[in-house]
């Protein structure tokens, strides 16, 4: 990028543009795997929609790539800097514009943190249902970009199911509004659904109208311990066959329980070889919990009804099950989904391939919708051969999920890291159609290039 172009940007937006080495390093990547270490040329933190529009007009005029960023909590490299790019951080657009309790909607800016929105609407007896594990710091804009899910997906769906309308700045700076304030609306193509999950490749989301749900009057939590993962997975199917709909249905294998015990001083592993964490909510929570308990006890599970404090602790432990970064470990967590009926078969395949490739494995799953997060790791001290084995295991794990009717990503997005697998799942004709859609919205390919689709 020409220095003159960057000077024009800085002069037009005093206090919004940074080229400090500290900021460039801090904003250069999210929490996903790094394909290539790249430093952006600048970080821009606009304070208004008008500023976002001006930045996009500048980027179009100078053909500068824009990588839009929320809180940087993504796990697929979707917010990683690319060569010559400017990071557009929306952290300052963090206002809750309005809450309408009767219409059960809220209008927010993209920098609003998920937990802050929930705190704001709780006084009206409402909640924002999507709750990714990073809900305490992830932003609604980032959730929209990746169509994020979370623990309550089993009952309430993913982000797309809670987004009614969007304000979007296109590549040339044009501001458009998609969708509607009503729960139903089928006028024209559903551009809101298209934008949700597009990972910043079609436009910059600057306003979001979300649907709110009723805050449950009652919540019941069950911790069901099984001897092993296959038995716990059978419990998932048994709950479904009983036609009971839990709000949360999470599955943790024995290695995950051991890791949580070591990190948090808990004693989960002593209760069994796998944990099925179940939560029901609403006026029927007690009856639904009892029905689920009966089903799981019938399968041989040790089931405890958790009080509110212990239940909160268990759910919080589940949110931390990915684990913190460890310097001497090369670790990659995946995000595949398979039909629920294939959970047992897929985990068995994972165990086999991990042993064959000589890598470590632990598995957690949003079992209610078949979304698994297997984590593979090796010791960095084992050298590059170990990392190569890890990559081979990852490739095989993805192929296995696809062979079982699954997908390469359930909720984290394709980002930068998973593009190598996209062609395994989608036909050439579909990939070409996606490229043509991208060209309509972003003819110069300046919006998060090299992410989400195969270009």
Protein backbone atom coordinates (compact mmCIF):
# COMPACT_ATOMS: atom_id res chain seq x y z
CA UNK A 1 0.00 0.00 0.00
CA UNK A 2 1.23 3.47 -0.81
CA UNK A 3 2.15 5.54 2.25
CA UNK A 4 0.13 8.43 0.81
CA UNK A 5 -3.05 6.34 0.84
CA UNK A 6 -2.56 5.39 4.48
CA UNK A 7 -1.85 9.03 5.35
CA UNK A 8 -5.16 10.02 3.74
CA UNK A 9 -6.98 7.45 5.88
CA UNK A 10 -5.27 8.58 9.08
CA UNK A 11 -5.94 12.24 8.40
CA UNK A 12 -9.61 11.61 7.66
CA UNK A 13 -10.15 9.56 10.83
CA UNK A 14 -7.99 11.00 13.64
CA UNK A 15 -7.77 8.67 16.60
CA UNK A 16 -9.24 5.74 14.69
CA UNK A 17 -6.16 4.53 12.79
CA UNK A 18 -3.19 2.84 14.42
CA UNK A 19 0.06 1.57 12.95
CA UNK A 20 1.78 0.86 16.27
CA UNK A 21 3.61 -2.45 16.34
CA UNK A 22 1.73 -3.41 19.50
CA UNK A 23 -1.67 -2.96 17.83
CA UNK A 24 -0.58 -4.62 14.59
CA UNK A 25 0.53 -7.68 16.53
CA UNK A 26 -2.53 -7.75 18.79
CA UNK A 27 -5.01 -7.54 15.92
CA UNK A 28 -3.15 -9.71 13.42
CA UNK A 29 -4.92 -12.99 14.24
CA UNK A 30 -7.81 -14.59 16.05
CA UNK A 31 -7.68 -17.76 18.16
CA UNK A 32 -7.71 -20.12 15.19
CA UNK A 33 -4.75 -21.89 13.63
CA UNK A 34 -2.32 -19.58 11.82
CA UNK A 35 -1.77 -20.58 8.20
CA UNK A 36 0.75 -17.81 7.61
CA UNK A 37 1.99 -15.18 10.07
CA UNK A 38 1.11 -11.81 8.53
CA UNK A 39 1.07 -8.33 10.01
CA UNK A 40 -1.59 -5.88 8.77
CA UNK A 41 -0.51 -2.45 7.60
CA UNK A 42 -2.94 -0.69 9.93
CA UNK A 43 -5.78 -1.18 12.40
CA UNK A 44 -8.87 1.01 12.08
CA UNK A 45 -11.38 1.30 14.93
CA UNK A 46 -14.30 3.34 13.58
CA UNK A 47 -16.72 5.04 15.95
CA UNK A 48 -19.76 5.27 13.69
CA UNK A 49 -21.44 3.71 10.68
CA UNK A 50 -20.47 6.80 8.68
CA UNK A 51 -16.82 6.09 9.44
CA UNK A 52 -17.20 2.48 8.35
CA UNK A 53 -18.67 3.68 5.06
CA UNK A 54 -15.81 6.13 4.59
CA UNK A 55 -13.21 3.42 5.27
CA UNK A 56 -14.81 1.12 2.69
CA UNK A 57 -14.92 3.92 0.10
CA UNK A 58 -11.23 4.54 0.77
CA UNK A 59 -10.43 0.82 0.51
CA UNK A 60 -12.27 0.57 -2.81
CA UNK A 61 -10.51 3.64 -4.20
CA UNK A 62 -7.09 2.29 -3.24
CA UNK A 63 -7.88 -1.44 -3.65
CA UNK A 64 -6.91 -2.26 -0.08
CA UNK A 65 -8.07 -5.50 1.54
CA UNK A 66 -10.27 -5.14 4.62
CA UNK A 67 -10.38 -7.82 7.31
CA UNK A 68 -13.31 -7.14 9.63
CA UNK A 69 -12.84 -8.18 13.24
CA UNK A 70 -15.01 -8.52 16.32
CA UNK A 71 -13.45 -9.71 19.57
CA UNK A 72 -10.99 -12.04 17.86
CA UNK A 73 -12.55 -15.10 19.50
CA UNK A 74 -12.93 -17.00 16.21
CA UNK A 75 -11.37 -20.44 15.89
CA UNK A 76 -10.87 -20.81 12.13
CA UNK A 77 -8.57 -17.92 11.24
CA UNK A 78 -11.40 -15.87 9.76
CA UNK A 79 -10.03 -12.65 11.27
CA UNK A 80 -6.37 -13.32 10.54
CA UNK A 81 -4.57 -10.57 8.66
CA UNK A 82 -3.71 -11.15 5.01
CA UNK A 83 -0.84 -9.49 3.07
CA UNK A 84 -1.37 -5.74 2.68
CA UNK A 85 -4.61 -5.76 4.66
CA UNK A 86 -6.17 -3.28 7.04
CA UNK A 87 -7.93 -4.68 10.11
CA UNK A 88 -11.34 -3.07 10.60
CA UNK A 89 -12.16 -3.60 14.27
CA UNK A 90 -15.78 -2.90 15.19
CA UNK A 91 -15.19 -2.92 18.95
CA UNK A 92 -16.26 0.73 19.34
CA UNK A 93 -19.62 0.13 17.70
CA UNK A 94 -20.93 -1.40 20.90
CA UNK A 95 -24.29 0.21 21.62
CA UNK A 96 -27.54 -1.57 22.33
CA UNK A 97 -29.71 0.74 20.22
CA UNK A 98 -33.11 -0.45 21.42
CA UNK A 99 -34.97 -3.24 23.17
CA UNK A 100 -38.65 -3.83 22.40
CA UNK A 101 -40.08 -6.21 25.04
CA UNK A 102 -43.47 -6.53 23.34
CA UNK A 103 -42.05 -7.32 19.92
CA UNK A 104 -39.35 -9.43 21.63
CA UNK A 105 -36.59 -7.87 19.56
CA UNK A 106 -33.45 -5.82 20.09
CA UNK A 107 -31.33 -3.72 17.76
CA UNK A 108 -27.61 -3.76 18.48
CA UNK A 109 -24.33 -2.67 16.97
CA UNK A 110 -21.85 -5.43 16.06
CA UNK A 111 -19.47 -4.74 18.95
CA UNK A 112 -22.04 -5.59 21.63
CA UNK A 113 -20.82 -8.52 23.72
CA UNK A 114 -23.18 -11.49 23.84
CA UNK A 115 -23.31 -11.54 27.66
CA UNK A 116 -23.97 -7.79 27.85
CA UNK A 117 -27.03 -8.11 25.61
CA UNK A 118 -28.36 -10.90 27.80
CA UNK A 119 -27.85 -8.82 30.91
CA UNK A 120 -29.70 -5.90 29.31
CA UNK A 121 -32.77 -7.90 28.26
CA UNK A 122 -33.04 -10.11 31.36
CA UNK A 123 -34.97 -7.40 33.21
CA UNK A 124 -37.76 -7.87 30.64
CA UNK A 125 -37.83 -11.63 31.15
CA UNK A 126 -36.06 -12.18 27.83
CA UNK A 127 -32.78 -13.64 26.59
CA UNK A 128 -30.68 -13.79 23.44
CA UNK A 129 -30.51 -17.52 22.81
CA UNK A 130 -27.20 -18.10 20.95
CA UNK A 131 -24.50 -18.72 23.57
CA UNK A 132 -21.10 -19.73 22.22
CA UNK A 133 -18.57 -20.84 24.83
CA UNK A 134 -16.93 -17.41 24.47
CA UNK A 135 -20.22 -15.56 25.18
CA UNK A 136 -18.62 -13.46 27.92
CA UNK A 137 -16.37 -11.70 25.41
CA UNK A 138 -17.46 -12.65 21.89
CA UNK A 139 -19.48 -10.02 20.03
CA UNK A 140 -22.83 -10.27 18.27
CA UNK A 141 -21.19 -9.12 15.03
CA UNK A 142 -18.69 -11.94 15.23
CA UNK A 143 -21.49 -14.39 16.02
CA UNK A 144 -23.30 -13.22 12.88
CA UNK A 145 -20.15 -13.46 10.75
CA UNK A 146 -19.68 -17.15 11.56
CA UNK A 147 -23.30 -18.09 12.27
CA UNK A 148 -22.10 -19.12 15.72
CA UNK A 149 -23.85 -21.77 17.78
CA UNK A 150 -23.27 -22.70 21.39
CA UNK A 151 -24.63 -24.89 24.14
CA UNK A 152 -28.31 -23.97 23.70
CA UNK A 153 -28.32 -24.98 20.01
CA UNK A 154 -30.19 -28.17 20.78
CA UNK A 155 -33.39 -26.23 21.47
CA UNK A 156 -32.90 -22.71 20.12
CA UNK A 157 -30.78 -23.17 17.02
CA UNK A 158 -27.81 -21.13 15.81
CA UNK A 159 -27.32 -17.40 15.30
CA UNK A 160 -29.15 -17.37 11.95
CA UNK A 161 -32.28 -18.52 13.76
CA UNK A 162 -32.20 -15.37 15.92
CA UNK A 163 -31.30 -12.72 13.32
CA UNK A 164 -34.18 -10.84 11.71
CA UNK A 165 -32.50 -7.93 9.93
CA UNK A 166 -29.05 -6.50 9.22
CA UNK A 167 -27.53 -3.19 8.29
CA UNK A 168 -24.57 -3.88 6.02
CA UNK A 169 -21.93 -1.66 4.45
CA UNK A 170 -20.95 -3.03 1.05
CA UNK A 171 -17.47 -2.96 -0.42
CA UNK A 172 -18.05 0.39 -2.14
CA UNK A 173 -19.39 2.03 1.04
CA UNK A 174 -23.09 1.67 0.23
CA UNK A 175 -25.28 1.06 3.28
CA UNK A 176 -28.12 -1.43 2.83
CA UNK A 177 -30.74 -2.96 5.13
CA UNK A 178 -31.80 -6.58 4.75
CA UNK A 179 -34.60 -8.54 6.39
CA UNK A 180 -37.45 -7.29 8.56
CA UNK A 181 -38.52 -6.65 12.16
CA UNK A 182 -41.21 -9.33 12.00
CA UNK A 183 -40.61 -12.98 12.84
CA UNK A 184 -41.97 -13.98 9.43
CA UNK A 185 -41.15 -12.43 6.08
CA UNK A 186 -40.47 -13.95 2.67
CA UNK A 187 -40.19 -10.92 0.37
CA UNK A 188 -37.39 -11.47 -2.14
CA UNK A 189 -34.20 -13.45 -1.63
CA UNK A 190 -33.15 -13.94 1.99
CA UNK A 191 -30.07 -11.72 2.03
CA UNK A 192 -30.05 -11.71 5.83
CA UNK A 193 -29.50 -15.46 5.88
CA UNK A 194 -26.86 -15.12 3.16
CA UNK A 195 -24.94 -12.47 5.10
CA UNK A 196 -25.16 -14.47 8.33
CA UNK A 197 -22.22 -16.85 8.17
CA UNK A 198 -20.50 -15.07 5.24
CA UNK A 199 -17.45 -14.31 7.44
CA UNK A 200 -16.98 -10.70 6.31
CA UNK A 201 -16.57 -11.64 2.65
CA UNK A 202 -19.75 -9.95 1.35
CA UNK A 203 -20.07 -6.83 3.48
CA UNK A 204 -19.48 -5.29 6.89
CA UNK A 205 -22.37 -5.79 9.31
CA UNK A 206 -22.96 -2.59 11.31
CA UNK A 207 -26.42 -3.18 12.74
CA UNK A 208 -28.31 -6.28 13.83
CA UNK A 209 -31.96 -6.81 14.72
CA UNK A 210 -32.26 -9.95 16.80
CA UNK A 211 -35.15 -12.03 17.99
CA UNK A 212 -35.29 -12.55 21.75
CA UNK A 213 -36.65 -15.58 23.58
CA UNK A 214 -38.38 -15.98 26.92
CA UNK A 215 -36.06 -16.24 29.90
CA UNK A 216 -36.86 -19.65 31.42
CA UNK A 217 -38.78 -19.57 34.69
CA UNK A 218 -37.28 -22.89 35.69
CA UNK A 219 -34.08 -24.74 34.77
CA UNK A 220 -33.14 -28.30 35.68
CA UNK A 221 -29.71 -29.80 35.12
CA UNK A 222 -28.77 -33.47 35.05
CA UNK A 223 -25.26 -34.91 35.10
CA UNK A 224 -25.37 -38.43 33.66
CA UNK A 225 -22.16 -40.44 33.94
CA UNK A 226 -21.61 -43.50 31.76
CA UNK A 227 -18.80 -46.05 31.67
CA UNK A 228 -17.74 -44.97 28.19
CA UNK A 229 -18.51 -42.66 25.28
CA UNK A 230 -20.55 -45.13 23.17
CA UNK A 231 -22.98 -45.65 26.07
CA UNK A 232 -23.35 -41.90 26.54
CA UNK A 233 -23.95 -41.43 22.82
CA UNK A 234 -26.64 -44.09 23.01
CA UNK A 235 -28.19 -41.94 25.73
CA UNK A 236 -28.40 -39.04 23.27
CA UNK A 237 -30.40 -41.16 20.83
CA UNK A 238 -32.61 -42.51 23.63
CA UNK A 239 -33.54 -38.96 24.71
CA UNK A 240 -34.48 -38.16 21.13
CA UNK A 241 -36.58 -41.31 20.81
CA UNK A 242 -38.41 -40.32 24.00
CA UNK A 243 -39.28 -37.07 22.17
CA UNK A 244 -38.04 -34.85 24.97
CA UNK A 245 -36.27 -31.64 23.90
CA UNK A 246 -33.50 -30.47 26.26
CA UNK A 247 -32.11 -26.95 25.96
CA UNK A 248 -28.56 -28.19 26.49
CA UNK A 249 -27.26 -31.66 25.65
CA UNK A 250 -23.47 -31.86 25.91
CA UNK A 251 -21.22 -34.90 25.73
CA UNK A 252 -17.70 -35.05 27.21
CA UNK A 253 -15.36 -38.02 26.92
CA UNK A 254 -13.09 -39.36 29.65
CA UNK A 255 -9.96 -37.52 28.51
CA UNK A 256 -11.84 -34.24 28.58
CA UNK A 257 -13.02 -34.98 32.12
CA UNK A 258 -9.43 -35.71 33.14
CA UNK A 259 -8.21 -32.47 31.58
CA UNK A 260 -10.90 -30.45 33.36
CA UNK A 261 -10.08 -32.12 36.68
CA UNK A 262 -6.42 -31.26 36.25
CA UNK A 263 -7.09 -27.65 35.32
CA UNK A 264 -9.93 -26.84 37.73
CA UNK A 265 -9.60 -29.25 40.64
CA UNK A 266 -12.89 -30.99 39.89
CA UNK A 267 -13.50 -34.73 40.28
CA UNK A 268 -15.57 -35.46 37.19
CA UNK A 269 -13.56 -38.46 35.99
CA UNK A 270 -14.08 -40.32 39.26
CA UNK A 271 -17.80 -40.56 38.48
CA UNK A 272 -17.48 -42.27 35.11
CA UNK A 273 -15.82 -42.54 31.73
CA UNK A 274 -18.07 -40.07 29.95
CA UNK A 275 -20.45 -37.28 30.97
CA UNK A 276 -23.76 -36.39 29.36
CA UNK A 277 -24.71 -32.93 30.61
CA UNK A 278 -28.42 -32.22 30.17
CA UNK A 279 -30.41 -29.08 30.90
CA UNK A 280 -34.13 -28.55 30.48
CA UNK A 281 -35.85 -25.19 30.76
CA UNK A 282 -39.27 -23.54 30.88
CA UNK A 283 -42.43 -24.37 32.81
CA UNK A 284 -42.07 -28.03 31.91
CA UNK A 285 -38.42 -28.27 32.96
CA UNK A 286 -39.02 -30.56 35.95
CA UNK A 287 -41.22 -33.01 34.04
CA UNK A 288 -38.82 -33.09 31.09
CA UNK A 289 -35.83 -33.64 33.39
CA UNK A 290 -37.61 -36.54 35.09
CA UNK A 291 -38.46 -38.15 31.76
CA UNK A 292 -34.82 -37.85 30.65
CA UNK A 293 -33.58 -39.16 33.97
CA UNK A 294 -35.77 -42.26 33.65
CA UNK A 295 -34.43 -42.91 30.15
CA UNK A 296 -30.78 -42.56 31.14
CA UNK A 297 -31.04 -44.58 34.35
CA UNK A 298 -32.59 -47.31 32.25
CA UNK A 299 -29.41 -47.34 30.17
CA UNK A 300 -27.24 -47.77 33.26
CA UNK A 301 -26.18 -44.17 33.82
CA UNK A 302 -25.37 -42.71 37.22
CA UNK A 303 -27.56 -39.60 37.17
CA UNK A 304 -27.50 -36.71 39.63
CA UNK A 305 -29.92 -33.78 39.78
CA UNK A 306 -27.72 -30.74 40.21
CA UNK A 307 -28.65 -27.74 42.31
CA UNK A 308 -28.22 -24.30 40.75
CA UNK A 309 -24.68 -23.72 42.03
CA UNK A 310 -23.32 -27.10 40.94
CA UNK A 311 -25.23 -26.88 37.66
CA UNK A 312 -23.68 -23.51 36.88
CA UNK A 313 -20.25 -24.94 37.70
CA UNK A 314 -20.72 -27.90 35.37
CA UNK A 315 -21.93 -25.76 32.50
CA UNK A 316 -19.04 -23.37 33.04
CA UNK A 317 -16.57 -26.26 33.04
CA UNK A 318 -18.04 -27.42 29.73
CA UNK A 319 -17.43 -23.94 28.30
CA UNK A 320 -13.77 -24.26 29.30
CA UNK A 321 -13.34 -27.77 27.93
CA UNK A 322 -11.26 -26.62 24.95
CA UNK A 323 -8.47 -25.77 27.38
CA UNK A 324 -5.95 -22.96 27.48
CA UNK A 325 -3.04 -22.66 25.09
CA UNK A 326 0.04 -24.61 26.15
CA UNK A 327 3.44 -23.60 24.86
CA UNK A 328 4.90 -27.09 24.48
CA UNK A 329 1.84 -28.54 22.72
CA UNK A 330 0.76 -28.20 19.10
CA UNK A 331 -3.02 -28.55 19.30
CA UNK A 332 -5.88 -28.17 16.84
CA UNK A 333 -9.55 -28.37 17.80
CA UNK A 334 -12.03 -29.26 15.09
CA UNK A 335 -15.68 -28.49 14.49
CA UNK A 336 -17.27 -31.21 12.41
CA UNK A 337 -20.90 -32.29 12.58
CA UNK A 338 -22.44 -35.64 11.76
CA UNK A 339 -26.00 -36.98 11.96
CA UNK A 340 -26.76 -37.84 15.58
CA UNK A 341 -27.15 -41.49 14.66
CA UNK A 342 -23.49 -41.51 13.60
CA UNK A 343 -21.98 -40.11 16.83
CA UNK A 344 -20.80 -43.50 18.09
CA UNK A 345 -19.40 -44.54 14.71
CA UNK A 346 -17.57 -41.25 14.25
CA UNK A 347 -15.93 -41.24 17.67
CA UNK A 348 -14.85 -44.85 17.18
CA UNK A 349 -13.24 -43.80 13.90
CA UNK A 350 -11.51 -40.90 15.65
CA UNK A 351 -10.07 -43.19 18.32
CA UNK A 352 -8.73 -45.56 15.66
CA UNK A 353 -7.12 -42.86 13.54
CA UNK A 354 -5.60 -41.08 16.56
CA UNK A 355 -3.91 -44.32 17.61
CA UNK A 356 -2.74 -45.03 14.07
CA UNK A 357 -1.19 -41.58 13.65
CA UNK A 358 0.26 -41.46 17.16
CA UNK A 359 -1.58 -38.32 18.31
CA UNK A 360 -3.54 -37.47 21.45
CA UNK A 361 -7.31 -36.99 21.28
CA UNK A 362 -10.17 -35.73 23.42
CA UNK A 363 -13.75 -35.12 22.34
CA UNK A 364 -16.61 -32.89 23.42
CA UNK A 365 -19.84 -32.53 21.51
CA UNK A 366 -22.99 -30.48 21.23
CA UNK A 367 -24.66 -33.86 21.16
CA UNK A 368 -28.15 -32.49 20.62
CA UNK A 369 -27.29 -31.56 17.04
CA UNK A 370 -24.35 -33.86 16.29
CA UNK A 371 -21.71 -31.11 16.38
CA UNK A 372 -18.41 -32.49 17.68
CA UNK A 373 -15.24 -30.72 18.75
CA UNK A 374 -12.46 -33.31 18.65
CA UNK A 375 -9.13 -31.91 19.76
CA UNK A 376 -5.91 -33.48 18.49
CA UNK A 377 -2.50 -32.63 19.88
CA UNK A 378 1.18 -33.61 19.89
CA UNK A 379 4.19 -32.45 21.85
CA UNK A 380 6.18 -29.78 20.02
CA UNK A 381 9.33 -31.43 21.34
CA UNK A 382 8.54 -34.42 19.10
CA UNK A 383 9.52 -32.33 16.09
CA UNK A 384 8.01 -31.60 12.67
CA UNK A 385 7.20 -35.26 12.06
CA UNK A 386 4.71 -35.12 14.92
CA UNK A 387 3.03 -32.05 13.46
CA UNK A 388 2.82 -33.81 10.11
CA UNK A 389 1.13 -36.77 11.79
CA UNK A 390 -1.31 -34.38 13.41
CA UNK A 391 -2.23 -32.80 10.09
CA UNK A 392 -2.75 -36.25 8.57
CA UNK A 393 -5.04 -37.18 11.43
CA UNK A 394 -7.02 -33.96 10.96
CA UNK A 395 -7.45 -34.61 7.25
CA UNK A 396 -8.61 -38.15 7.91
CA UNK A 397 -11.02 -37.01 10.64
CA UNK A 398 -12.68 -34.62 8.20
CA UNK A 399 -12.94 -37.23 5.44
CA UNK A 400 -14.47 -39.64 7.93
CA UNK A 401 -17.10 -37.09 9.00
CA UNK A 402 -18.02 -36.42 5.38
CA UNK A 403 -18.28 -40.14 4.67
CA UNK A 404 -20.84 -40.38 7.48
CA UNK A 405 -22.97 -37.63 5.97
CA UNK A 406 -21.42 -34.78 7.96
CA UNK A 407 -19.86 -31.38 7.35
CA UNK A 408 -16.43 -29.83 7.82
CA UNK A 409 -17.73 -27.12 10.15
CA UNK A 410 -20.80 -26.96 12.34
CA UNK A 411 -20.41 -23.51 13.86
CA UNK A 412 -16.87 -22.09 13.73
CA UNK A 413 -16.88 -21.23 10.03
CA UNK A 414 -14.46 -22.06 7.24
CA UNK A 415 -12.20 -19.07 7.83
CA UNK A 416 -8.70 -19.40 6.48
CA UNK A 417 -7.80 -22.78 7.91
CA UNK A 418 -10.62 -24.98 6.58
CA UNK A 419 -10.61 -23.81 2.96
CA UNK A 420 -8.41 -26.79 2.16
CA UNK A 421 -11.37 -29.08 2.99
CA UNK A 422 -14.20 -27.13 1.39
CA UNK A 423 -13.81 -28.84 -1.98
CA UNK A 424 -14.16 -32.22 -0.27
CA UNK A 425 -17.69 -31.31 0.83
CA UNK A 426 -19.04 -29.09 -1.93
CA UNK A 427 -19.35 -29.82 -5.63
CA UNK A 428 -17.46 -27.81 -8.25
CA UNK A 429 -20.72 -26.22 -9.40
CA UNK A 430 -21.48 -25.01 -5.86
CA UNK A 431 -17.98 -23.62 -5.38
CA UNK A 432 -18.29 -21.73 -8.66
CA UNK A 433 -21.67 -20.30 -7.68
CA UNK A 434 -20.20 -19.05 -4.40
CA UNK A 435 -17.38 -17.34 -6.27
CA UNK A 436 -19.92 -15.60 -8.52
CA UNK A 437 -21.97 -14.44 -5.54
CA UNK A 438 -18.81 -13.03 -3.97
CA UNK A 439 -18.03 -11.15 -7.19
CA UNK A 440 -21.46 -9.50 -7.20
CA UNK A 441 -20.99 -8.12 -3.69
CA UNK A 442 -17.25 -7.55 -3.84
CA UNK A 443 -16.01 -7.22 -7.45
CA UNK A 444 -12.51 -6.09 -6.41
CA UNK A 445 -12.14 -8.92 -3.86
CA UNK A 446 -11.16 -6.58 -1.03
CA UNK A 447 -13.43 -8.01 1.69
CA UNK A 448 -11.59 -10.65 3.72
CA UNK A 449 -9.95 -12.27 0.68
CA UNK A 450 -8.73 -15.84 1.01
CA UNK A 451 -11.37 -16.76 3.57
CA UNK A 452 -14.63 -18.74 3.72
CA UNK A 453 -14.86 -19.81 0.05
CA UNK A 454 -12.51 -21.28 -2.54
CA UNK A 455 -11.53 -18.38 -4.79
